[in-house]
């Protein structure tokens, strides 16, 4: 595991898009879960429905979501030290994303994700059986949060803020002569 303390300063400073924080929201009895990814600069949220709270589910869910993002906008991933991330090396190999881990019992080191989890609990209250949700329902919840204007972005939504670097990253690189 690579410590958050060696993470490049531009990640901490939110200077460049493409740096993500992750977590699990666990359902009733910790038997079901939804993976949470939040981009640090735009606060864009991606949710991955997980079959359970295992490392295999985390690998599959996070790999699918991260791989759906253009490579320039998936640079790093910061996570806690939960056992569900024990396959982090496979996740890095599958996605090309550098992983960093917070100190034990330090959720404040992923403050963007912790704040987002609070917002998500309005849609997914504690004690809810998350297995009853389809794979589309977490995407609808993420769309709702991503279209919500944020004070931190001068009342632009995370989708609006993420759109500019996404358009730039999606443009083919012109050749120089």
N, C-alpha and C. Protein backbone atom coordinates (compact mmCIF):
# COMPACT_ATOMS: atom_id res chain seq x y z
N UNK A 1 0.84 -1.19 0.00
CA UNK A 1 0.00 0.00 0.00
C UNK A 1 0.88 1.25 0.00
N UNK A 2 0.49 2.23 -0.77
CA UNK A 2 1.21 3.50 -0.83
C UNK A 2 0.45 4.50 0.03
N UNK A 3 1.15 5.12 0.94
CA UNK A 3 0.54 6.05 1.89
C UNK A 3 0.10 7.36 1.24
N UNK A 4 -0.96 7.90 1.76
CA UNK A 4 -1.45 9.22 1.35
C UNK A 4 -0.38 10.29 1.56
N UNK A 5 0.54 10.06 2.45
CA UNK A 5 1.58 11.04 2.76
C UNK A 5 2.60 11.21 1.64
N UNK A 6 2.64 10.30 0.68
CA UNK A 6 3.55 10.46 -0.46
C UNK A 6 2.78 10.82 -1.74
N UNK A 7 1.52 11.09 -1.57
CA UNK A 7 0.69 11.51 -2.69
C UNK A 7 1.17 12.87 -3.18
N UNK A 8 1.25 13.08 -4.50
CA UNK A 8 1.73 14.37 -5.03
C UNK A 8 0.88 15.55 -4.54
N UNK A 9 1.51 16.70 -4.29
CA UNK A 9 0.78 17.85 -3.73
C UNK A 9 -0.35 18.36 -4.62
N UNK A 10 -0.25 18.21 -5.93
CA UNK A 10 -1.33 18.71 -6.80
C UNK A 10 -2.64 17.95 -6.56
N UNK A 11 -2.57 16.75 -6.01
CA UNK A 11 -3.79 16.02 -5.67
C UNK A 11 -4.44 16.69 -4.46
N UNK A 12 -3.65 16.95 -3.46
CA UNK A 12 -4.16 17.60 -2.25
C UNK A 12 -4.72 18.98 -2.57
N UNK A 13 -4.07 19.70 -3.46
CA UNK A 13 -4.47 21.07 -3.79
C UNK A 13 -5.62 21.16 -4.79
N UNK A 14 -6.06 20.03 -5.30
CA UNK A 14 -7.16 19.98 -6.28
C UNK A 14 -6.85 20.82 -7.52
N UNK A 15 -5.59 20.82 -7.93
CA UNK A 15 -5.19 21.63 -9.08
C UNK A 15 -5.57 20.99 -10.41
N UNK A 16 -5.52 19.67 -10.47
CA UNK A 16 -5.79 18.96 -11.72
C UNK A 16 -6.92 17.96 -11.52
N UNK A 17 -7.81 17.85 -12.51
CA UNK A 17 -8.87 16.85 -12.40
C UNK A 17 -8.31 15.44 -12.64
N UNK A 18 -9.06 14.46 -12.21
CA UNK A 18 -8.69 13.07 -12.46
C UNK A 18 -8.23 12.32 -11.22
N UNK A 19 -8.38 12.94 -10.07
CA UNK A 19 -7.97 12.31 -8.81
C UNK A 19 -9.24 12.01 -8.02
N UNK A 20 -9.41 10.75 -7.67
CA UNK A 20 -10.65 10.24 -7.10
C UNK A 20 -10.46 9.77 -5.67
N UNK A 21 -11.52 9.88 -4.89
CA UNK A 21 -11.59 9.29 -3.55
C UNK A 21 -12.66 8.22 -3.61
N UNK A 22 -12.48 7.16 -2.83
CA UNK A 22 -13.43 6.07 -2.86
C UNK A 22 -13.83 5.58 -1.49
N UNK A 23 -14.98 4.92 -1.44
CA UNK A 23 -15.49 4.35 -0.20
C UNK A 23 -16.59 3.37 -0.53
N UNK A 24 -17.06 2.68 0.48
CA UNK A 24 -18.22 1.80 0.39
C UNK A 24 -19.30 2.37 1.28
N UNK A 25 -20.53 2.35 0.81
CA UNK A 25 -21.68 2.55 1.69
C UNK A 25 -22.26 1.15 1.85
N UNK A 26 -22.32 0.71 3.08
CA UNK A 26 -22.79 -0.65 3.34
C UNK A 26 -24.24 -0.61 3.79
N UNK A 27 -24.96 -1.64 3.36
CA UNK A 27 -26.37 -1.75 3.69
C UNK A 27 -26.60 -2.56 4.95
N UNK A 28 -27.83 -2.94 5.16
CA UNK A 28 -28.26 -3.68 6.35
C UNK A 28 -27.37 -4.89 6.59
N UNK A 29 -26.85 -5.01 7.80
CA UNK A 29 -26.03 -6.14 8.19
C UNK A 29 -24.73 -6.26 7.41
N UNK A 30 -24.30 -5.19 6.77
CA UNK A 30 -23.09 -5.19 5.94
C UNK A 30 -23.13 -6.26 4.85
N UNK A 31 -24.33 -6.64 4.41
CA UNK A 31 -24.48 -7.70 3.41
C UNK A 31 -24.55 -7.15 1.99
N UNK A 32 -24.84 -5.88 1.85
CA UNK A 32 -24.95 -5.26 0.53
C UNK A 32 -24.19 -3.94 0.56
N UNK A 33 -23.80 -3.46 -0.61
CA UNK A 33 -23.04 -2.21 -0.62
C UNK A 33 -23.12 -1.52 -1.97
N UNK A 34 -22.74 -0.24 -1.93
CA UNK A 34 -22.60 0.58 -3.11
C UNK A 34 -21.22 1.23 -3.02
N UNK A 35 -20.44 1.10 -4.08
CA UNK A 35 -19.13 1.74 -4.13
C UNK A 35 -19.29 3.20 -4.53
N UNK A 36 -18.55 4.06 -3.86
CA UNK A 36 -18.62 5.50 -4.10
C UNK A 36 -17.28 5.99 -4.63
N UNK A 37 -17.31 6.71 -5.73
CA UNK A 37 -16.13 7.39 -6.28
C UNK A 37 -16.48 8.86 -6.42
N UNK A 38 -15.59 9.73 -5.94
CA UNK A 38 -15.81 11.17 -6.04
C UNK A 38 -14.54 11.81 -6.59
N UNK A 39 -14.69 12.57 -7.66
CA UNK A 39 -13.55 13.27 -8.25
C UNK A 39 -13.28 14.52 -7.41
N UNK A 40 -12.04 14.71 -6.99
CA UNK A 40 -11.71 15.74 -6.01
C UNK A 40 -11.91 17.17 -6.53
N UNK A 41 -11.64 17.45 -7.78
CA UNK A 41 -11.74 18.82 -8.29
C UNK A 41 -13.19 19.23 -8.55
N UNK A 42 -13.93 18.39 -9.26
CA UNK A 42 -15.30 18.73 -9.64
C UNK A 42 -16.35 18.27 -8.64
N UNK A 43 -16.00 17.30 -7.81
CA UNK A 43 -16.92 16.63 -6.87
C UNK A 43 -17.92 15.74 -7.61
N UNK A 44 -17.59 15.35 -8.85
CA UNK A 44 -18.44 14.43 -9.60
C UNK A 44 -18.49 13.09 -8.89
N UNK A 45 -19.69 12.51 -8.81
CA UNK A 45 -19.92 11.25 -8.09
C UNK A 45 -20.23 10.14 -9.09
N UNK A 46 -19.58 8.99 -8.89
CA UNK A 46 -19.92 7.77 -9.60
C UNK A 46 -20.25 6.71 -8.56
N UNK A 47 -21.31 5.97 -8.78
CA UNK A 47 -21.71 4.93 -7.84
C UNK A 47 -21.70 3.58 -8.55
N UNK A 48 -21.21 2.57 -7.86
CA UNK A 48 -21.16 1.22 -8.41
C UNK A 48 -21.90 0.28 -7.47
N UNK A 49 -22.98 -0.31 -7.95
CA UNK A 49 -23.70 -1.29 -7.13
C UNK A 49 -22.81 -2.52 -7.01
N UNK A 50 -22.65 -2.98 -5.78
CA UNK A 50 -21.83 -4.16 -5.51
C UNK A 50 -22.74 -5.30 -5.08
N UNK A 51 -22.36 -6.50 -5.45
CA UNK A 51 -23.14 -7.68 -5.03
C UNK A 51 -23.03 -7.89 -3.53
N UNK A 52 -21.88 -7.54 -2.97
CA UNK A 52 -21.64 -7.71 -1.53
C UNK A 52 -20.50 -6.77 -1.16
N UNK A 53 -19.93 -6.94 0.00
CA UNK A 53 -18.88 -6.03 0.48
C UNK A 53 -17.51 -6.71 0.47
N UNK A 54 -17.25 -7.53 -0.56
CA UNK A 54 -15.99 -8.26 -0.64
C UNK A 54 -14.98 -7.55 -1.52
N UNK A 55 -13.74 -7.99 -1.43
CA UNK A 55 -12.67 -7.45 -2.27
C UNK A 55 -12.93 -7.74 -3.74
N UNK A 56 -13.51 -8.89 -4.05
CA UNK A 56 -13.81 -9.23 -5.44
C UNK A 56 -14.84 -8.26 -6.01
N UNK A 57 -15.87 -7.93 -5.24
CA UNK A 57 -16.88 -6.98 -5.69
C UNK A 57 -16.30 -5.59 -5.85
N UNK A 58 -15.44 -5.18 -4.92
CA UNK A 58 -14.80 -3.86 -5.01
C UNK A 58 -13.94 -3.79 -6.26
N UNK A 59 -13.18 -4.83 -6.52
CA UNK A 59 -12.34 -4.85 -7.71
C UNK A 59 -13.19 -4.73 -8.97
N UNK A 60 -14.22 -5.54 -9.08
CA UNK A 60 -15.06 -5.51 -10.28
C UNK A 60 -15.80 -4.18 -10.43
N UNK A 61 -16.42 -3.71 -9.36
CA UNK A 61 -17.22 -2.49 -9.43
C UNK A 61 -16.38 -1.25 -9.69
N UNK A 62 -15.29 -1.09 -8.93
CA UNK A 62 -14.45 0.09 -9.10
C UNK A 62 -13.71 0.04 -10.44
N UNK A 63 -13.28 -1.13 -10.87
CA UNK A 63 -12.59 -1.24 -12.17
C UNK A 63 -13.53 -0.84 -13.30
N UNK A 64 -14.78 -1.30 -13.23
CA UNK A 64 -15.74 -0.95 -14.29
C UNK A 64 -15.99 0.55 -14.33
N UNK A 65 -16.20 1.16 -13.17
CA UNK A 65 -16.49 2.59 -13.14
C UNK A 65 -15.27 3.41 -13.56
N UNK A 66 -14.10 3.09 -13.02
CA UNK A 66 -12.90 3.85 -13.37
C UNK A 66 -12.56 3.67 -14.85
N UNK A 67 -12.74 2.48 -15.39
CA UNK A 67 -12.42 2.24 -16.80
C UNK A 67 -13.37 2.96 -17.74
N UNK A 68 -14.53 3.37 -17.24
CA UNK A 68 -15.49 4.09 -18.08
C UNK A 68 -15.10 5.56 -18.26
N UNK A 69 -14.07 6.00 -17.55
CA UNK A 69 -13.60 7.38 -17.62
C UNK A 69 -12.38 7.43 -18.53
N UNK A 70 -12.28 8.46 -19.36
CA UNK A 70 -11.11 8.58 -20.23
C UNK A 70 -9.85 8.61 -19.38
N UNK A 71 -8.79 7.98 -19.87
CA UNK A 71 -7.55 7.80 -19.10
C UNK A 71 -6.99 9.08 -18.48
N UNK A 72 -6.97 10.21 -19.19
CA UNK A 72 -6.40 11.40 -18.55
C UNK A 72 -7.16 11.87 -17.30
N UNK A 73 -8.40 11.42 -17.15
CA UNK A 73 -9.21 11.85 -16.00
C UNK A 73 -9.35 10.74 -14.95
N UNK A 74 -8.45 9.78 -15.01
CA UNK A 74 -8.37 8.75 -13.96
C UNK A 74 -6.91 8.53 -13.60
N UNK A 75 -6.43 9.46 -12.80
CA UNK A 75 -5.02 9.49 -12.43
C UNK A 75 -4.71 8.79 -11.11
N UNK A 76 -5.54 9.03 -10.10
CA UNK A 76 -5.27 8.45 -8.79
C UNK A 76 -6.57 8.12 -8.08
N UNK A 77 -6.41 7.28 -7.05
CA UNK A 77 -7.53 6.79 -6.27
C UNK A 77 -7.07 6.73 -4.82
N UNK A 78 -7.77 7.43 -3.94
CA UNK A 78 -7.42 7.44 -2.51
C UNK A 78 -8.53 6.73 -1.75
N UNK A 79 -8.12 5.83 -0.87
CA UNK A 79 -9.08 4.98 -0.18
C UNK A 79 -8.65 4.78 1.26
N UNK A 80 -9.56 4.31 2.08
CA UNK A 80 -9.23 3.93 3.45
C UNK A 80 -8.56 2.57 3.45
N UNK A 81 -8.37 2.01 4.62
CA UNK A 81 -7.68 0.73 4.69
C UNK A 81 -8.63 -0.44 4.91
N UNK A 82 -9.84 -0.34 4.38
CA UNK A 82 -10.80 -1.43 4.51
C UNK A 82 -10.35 -2.67 3.77
N UNK A 83 -10.76 -3.83 4.29
CA UNK A 83 -10.34 -5.11 3.70
C UNK A 83 -10.87 -5.29 2.27
N UNK A 84 -11.93 -4.54 1.93
CA UNK A 84 -12.47 -4.65 0.57
C UNK A 84 -11.49 -4.16 -0.49
N UNK A 85 -10.45 -3.44 -0.08
CA UNK A 85 -9.45 -2.96 -1.04
C UNK A 85 -8.18 -3.81 -1.05
N UNK A 86 -8.27 -5.03 -0.55
CA UNK A 86 -7.09 -5.89 -0.51
C UNK A 86 -6.59 -6.26 -1.91
N UNK A 87 -7.40 -6.07 -2.92
CA UNK A 87 -6.98 -6.37 -4.30
C UNK A 87 -6.63 -5.09 -5.07
N UNK A 88 -6.13 -4.10 -4.34
CA UNK A 88 -5.83 -2.79 -4.94
C UNK A 88 -4.79 -2.88 -6.05
N UNK A 89 -3.85 -3.80 -5.96
CA UNK A 89 -2.84 -3.92 -7.02
C UNK A 89 -3.48 -4.38 -8.33
N UNK A 90 -4.45 -5.25 -8.24
CA UNK A 90 -5.18 -5.68 -9.44
C UNK A 90 -6.00 -4.53 -10.02
N UNK A 91 -6.58 -3.71 -9.14
CA UNK A 91 -7.33 -2.55 -9.59
C UNK A 91 -6.41 -1.59 -10.34
N UNK A 92 -5.24 -1.34 -9.80
CA UNK A 92 -4.27 -0.46 -10.45
C UNK A 92 -3.85 -1.02 -11.81
N UNK A 93 -3.61 -2.32 -11.87
CA UNK A 93 -3.20 -2.94 -13.13
C UNK A 93 -4.31 -2.87 -14.18
N UNK A 94 -5.55 -3.04 -13.74
CA UNK A 94 -6.68 -3.04 -14.67
C UNK A 94 -7.03 -1.66 -15.17
N UNK A 95 -6.77 -0.63 -14.38
CA UNK A 95 -7.24 0.72 -14.73
C UNK A 95 -6.12 1.73 -15.00
N UNK A 96 -4.90 1.41 -14.56
CA UNK A 96 -3.81 2.37 -14.69
C UNK A 96 -3.87 3.48 -13.67
N UNK A 97 -4.67 3.32 -12.64
CA UNK A 97 -4.86 4.35 -11.62
C UNK A 97 -3.93 4.08 -10.44
N UNK A 98 -3.17 5.10 -10.03
CA UNK A 98 -2.31 4.99 -8.86
C UNK A 98 -3.16 5.04 -7.61
N UNK A 99 -2.92 4.11 -6.68
CA UNK A 99 -3.69 4.06 -5.46
C UNK A 99 -2.93 4.58 -4.26
N UNK A 100 -3.62 5.30 -3.40
CA UNK A 100 -3.06 5.82 -2.15
C UNK A 100 -4.01 5.46 -1.02
N UNK A 101 -3.45 5.18 0.14
CA UNK A 101 -4.27 4.76 1.27
C UNK A 101 -4.10 5.72 2.44
N UNK A 102 -5.23 6.03 3.06
CA UNK A 102 -5.26 6.91 4.22
C UNK A 102 -4.70 6.18 5.44
N UNK A 103 -4.41 6.96 6.46
CA UNK A 103 -4.00 6.38 7.74
C UNK A 103 -5.20 5.64 8.34
N UNK A 104 -4.93 4.63 9.18
CA UNK A 104 -6.05 3.94 9.83
C UNK A 104 -6.91 4.91 10.64
N UNK A 105 -8.20 4.71 10.57
CA UNK A 105 -9.18 5.49 11.35
C UNK A 105 -9.07 6.99 11.07
N UNK A 106 -8.85 7.36 9.80
CA UNK A 106 -8.69 8.77 9.43
C UNK A 106 -9.58 9.13 8.24
N UNK A 107 -10.89 9.03 8.38
CA UNK A 107 -11.77 9.35 7.24
C UNK A 107 -11.64 10.80 6.79
N UNK A 108 -11.17 11.68 7.66
CA UNK A 108 -11.02 13.09 7.26
C UNK A 108 -10.02 13.25 6.11
N UNK A 109 -9.15 12.26 5.92
CA UNK A 109 -8.19 12.33 4.82
C UNK A 109 -8.86 12.09 3.47
N UNK A 110 -10.10 11.69 3.48
CA UNK A 110 -10.94 11.56 2.28
C UNK A 110 -12.19 12.38 2.51
N UNK A 111 -12.00 13.63 2.84
CA UNK A 111 -13.12 14.49 3.23
C UNK A 111 -14.17 14.68 2.16
N UNK A 112 -13.76 14.75 0.91
CA UNK A 112 -14.72 14.92 -0.17
C UNK A 112 -15.67 13.73 -0.23
N UNK A 113 -15.10 12.54 -0.09
CA UNK A 113 -15.93 11.33 -0.14
C UNK A 113 -16.81 11.22 1.10
N UNK A 114 -16.28 11.57 2.25
CA UNK A 114 -17.09 11.51 3.48
C UNK A 114 -18.26 12.48 3.40
N UNK A 115 -18.05 13.67 2.87
CA UNK A 115 -19.14 14.63 2.69
C UNK A 115 -20.18 14.06 1.71
N UNK A 116 -19.70 13.47 0.64
CA UNK A 116 -20.60 12.88 -0.34
C UNK A 116 -21.41 11.74 0.27
N UNK A 117 -20.77 10.94 1.11
CA UNK A 117 -21.49 9.85 1.77
C UNK A 117 -22.67 10.41 2.59
N UNK A 118 -22.45 11.54 3.24
CA UNK A 118 -23.53 12.18 3.99
C UNK A 118 -24.69 12.56 3.08
N UNK A 119 -24.37 13.08 1.91
CA UNK A 119 -25.42 13.42 0.94
C UNK A 119 -26.12 12.17 0.44
N UNK A 120 -25.35 11.11 0.23
CA UNK A 120 -25.92 9.86 -0.28
C UNK A 120 -26.85 9.19 0.72
N UNK A 121 -26.61 9.39 2.01
CA UNK A 121 -27.44 8.75 3.03
C UNK A 121 -28.88 9.29 3.01
N UNK A 122 -29.11 10.42 2.34
CA UNK A 122 -30.48 10.90 2.17
C UNK A 122 -31.23 10.00 1.18
N UNK A 123 -30.49 9.41 0.25
CA UNK A 123 -31.07 8.50 -0.73
C UNK A 123 -30.98 7.05 -0.27
N UNK A 124 -29.92 6.72 0.47
CA UNK A 124 -29.65 5.35 0.90
C UNK A 124 -29.46 5.35 2.42
N UNK A 125 -30.55 5.45 3.19
CA UNK A 125 -30.43 5.54 4.65
C UNK A 125 -29.73 4.33 5.26
N UNK A 126 -29.06 4.57 6.39
CA UNK A 126 -28.44 3.47 7.13
C UNK A 126 -29.49 2.41 7.43
N UNK A 127 -29.07 1.16 7.36
CA UNK A 127 -29.97 0.06 7.64
C UNK A 127 -30.79 -0.39 6.45
N UNK A 128 -30.64 0.29 5.31
CA UNK A 128 -31.37 -0.09 4.10
C UNK A 128 -30.71 -1.32 3.48
N UNK A 129 -31.53 -2.21 2.95
CA UNK A 129 -31.00 -3.36 2.20
C UNK A 129 -30.70 -2.87 0.79
N UNK A 130 -29.44 -2.65 0.50
CA UNK A 130 -29.05 -2.08 -0.79
C UNK A 130 -29.15 -3.09 -1.93
N UNK A 131 -29.32 -4.36 -1.60
CA UNK A 131 -29.42 -5.38 -2.65
C UNK A 131 -30.72 -5.27 -3.44
N UNK A 132 -31.71 -4.55 -2.93
CA UNK A 132 -32.99 -4.41 -3.64
C UNK A 132 -32.91 -3.39 -4.78
N UNK A 133 -31.85 -2.60 -4.81
CA UNK A 133 -31.70 -1.60 -5.87
C UNK A 133 -31.15 -2.26 -7.13
N UNK A 134 -31.66 -1.82 -8.28
CA UNK A 134 -31.12 -2.28 -9.56
C UNK A 134 -29.78 -1.59 -9.79
N UNK A 135 -29.09 -1.99 -10.84
CA UNK A 135 -27.82 -1.34 -11.17
C UNK A 135 -28.04 0.08 -11.68
N UNK A 136 -29.24 0.38 -12.18
CA UNK A 136 -29.54 1.72 -12.71
C UNK A 136 -29.85 2.73 -11.61
N UNK A 137 -30.38 2.28 -10.49
CA UNK A 137 -30.78 3.22 -9.44
C UNK A 137 -29.61 4.00 -8.84
N UNK A 138 -28.47 3.39 -8.55
CA UNK A 138 -27.33 4.21 -8.08
C UNK A 138 -26.90 5.25 -9.11
N UNK A 139 -26.97 4.91 -10.41
CA UNK A 139 -26.63 5.89 -11.44
C UNK A 139 -27.58 7.07 -11.41
N UNK A 140 -28.87 6.83 -11.17
CA UNK A 140 -29.85 7.91 -11.08
C UNK A 140 -29.56 8.80 -9.86
N UNK A 141 -29.15 8.19 -8.75
CA UNK A 141 -28.80 8.95 -7.56
C UNK A 141 -27.58 9.82 -7.85
N UNK A 142 -26.57 9.23 -8.50
CA UNK A 142 -25.37 10.00 -8.86
C UNK A 142 -25.73 11.15 -9.79
N UNK A 143 -26.60 10.91 -10.77
CA UNK A 143 -27.03 11.98 -11.68
C UNK A 143 -27.69 13.12 -10.92
N UNK A 144 -28.49 12.78 -9.92
CA UNK A 144 -29.14 13.80 -9.11
C UNK A 144 -28.10 14.66 -8.38
N UNK A 145 -27.12 14.01 -7.75
CA UNK A 145 -26.07 14.77 -7.05
C UNK A 145 -25.19 15.56 -8.02
N UNK A 146 -24.92 14.99 -9.18
CA UNK A 146 -24.03 15.64 -10.15
C UNK A 146 -24.68 16.83 -10.84
N UNK A 147 -25.99 16.92 -10.81
CA UNK A 147 -26.67 18.06 -11.43
C UNK A 147 -27.03 19.14 -10.41
N UNK A 148 -26.70 18.90 -9.17
CA UNK A 148 -27.03 19.83 -8.09
C UNK A 148 -25.96 20.94 -8.00
N UNK A 149 -26.35 22.21 -8.14
CA UNK A 149 -25.37 23.30 -8.04
C UNK A 149 -24.67 23.30 -6.68
N UNK A 150 -23.38 23.64 -6.68
CA UNK A 150 -22.60 23.65 -5.44
C UNK A 150 -22.01 25.04 -5.21
N UNK A 151 -22.08 25.48 -3.98
CA UNK A 151 -21.51 26.76 -3.60
C UNK A 151 -20.03 26.81 -3.95
N UNK A 152 -19.33 25.72 -3.68
CA UNK A 152 -17.89 25.67 -3.91
C UNK A 152 -17.52 25.88 -5.39
N UNK A 153 -18.49 25.67 -6.29
CA UNK A 153 -18.26 25.86 -7.73
C UNK A 153 -19.02 27.07 -8.26
N UNK A 154 -19.24 28.06 -7.40
CA UNK A 154 -19.95 29.26 -7.81
C UNK A 154 -21.31 28.90 -8.42
N UNK A 155 -21.97 27.93 -7.80
CA UNK A 155 -23.30 27.46 -8.16
C UNK A 155 -23.37 26.77 -9.52
N UNK A 156 -22.25 26.21 -9.94
CA UNK A 156 -22.25 25.29 -11.08
C UNK A 156 -22.32 23.88 -10.51
N UNK A 157 -22.83 22.97 -11.29
CA UNK A 157 -22.94 21.58 -10.83
C UNK A 157 -21.63 20.84 -11.07
N UNK A 158 -21.42 19.73 -10.36
CA UNK A 158 -20.24 18.90 -10.64
C UNK A 158 -20.18 18.46 -12.11
N UNK A 159 -21.33 18.15 -12.71
CA UNK A 159 -21.34 17.76 -14.12
C UNK A 159 -20.82 18.88 -15.01
N UNK A 160 -21.23 20.12 -14.71
CA UNK A 160 -20.76 21.27 -15.48
C UNK A 160 -19.25 21.45 -15.32
N UNK A 161 -18.77 21.33 -14.10
CA UNK A 161 -17.35 21.54 -13.82
C UNK A 161 -16.51 20.44 -14.47
N UNK A 162 -17.01 19.20 -14.44
CA UNK A 162 -16.27 18.07 -15.02
C UNK A 162 -16.31 18.09 -16.54
N UNK A 163 -17.30 18.74 -17.13
CA UNK A 163 -17.47 18.73 -18.58
C UNK A 163 -16.29 19.34 -19.33
N UNK A 164 -15.71 20.42 -18.81
CA UNK A 164 -14.60 21.08 -19.52
C UNK A 164 -13.37 20.19 -19.63
N UNK A 165 -12.86 19.63 -18.53
CA UNK A 165 -11.71 18.75 -18.69
C UNK A 165 -12.05 17.47 -19.44
N UNK A 166 -13.30 17.02 -19.36
CA UNK A 166 -13.72 15.83 -20.09
C UNK A 166 -13.66 16.10 -21.59
N UNK A 167 -14.16 17.25 -22.02
CA UNK A 167 -14.13 17.61 -23.44
C UNK A 167 -12.68 17.73 -23.92
N UNK A 168 -11.85 18.33 -23.11
CA UNK A 168 -10.43 18.48 -23.47
C UNK A 168 -9.73 17.13 -23.55
N UNK A 169 -10.01 16.26 -22.59
CA UNK A 169 -9.36 14.94 -22.55
C UNK A 169 -9.86 14.04 -23.67
N UNK A 170 -11.07 14.29 -24.14
CA UNK A 170 -11.65 13.44 -25.18
C UNK A 170 -11.25 13.86 -26.59
N UNK A 171 -10.67 15.07 -26.72
CA UNK A 171 -10.24 15.55 -28.03
C UNK A 171 -9.03 14.78 -28.50
N UNK A 172 -9.01 14.39 -29.78
CA UNK A 172 -7.80 13.74 -30.30
C UNK A 172 -6.64 14.73 -30.29
N UNK A 173 -5.48 14.23 -29.96
CA UNK A 173 -4.29 15.07 -29.93
C UNK A 173 -3.87 15.38 -31.36
N UNK A 174 -3.71 16.67 -31.68
CA UNK A 174 -3.29 17.04 -33.03
C UNK A 174 -1.79 16.82 -33.16
N UNK A 175 -1.40 16.45 -34.34
CA UNK A 175 0.04 16.21 -34.55
C UNK A 175 0.74 17.54 -34.81
N UNK A 176 1.96 17.62 -34.34
CA UNK A 176 2.75 18.83 -34.53
C UNK A 176 3.75 18.59 -35.64
N UNK A 177 3.91 19.57 -36.52
CA UNK A 177 4.85 19.44 -37.63
C UNK A 177 6.01 20.35 -37.44
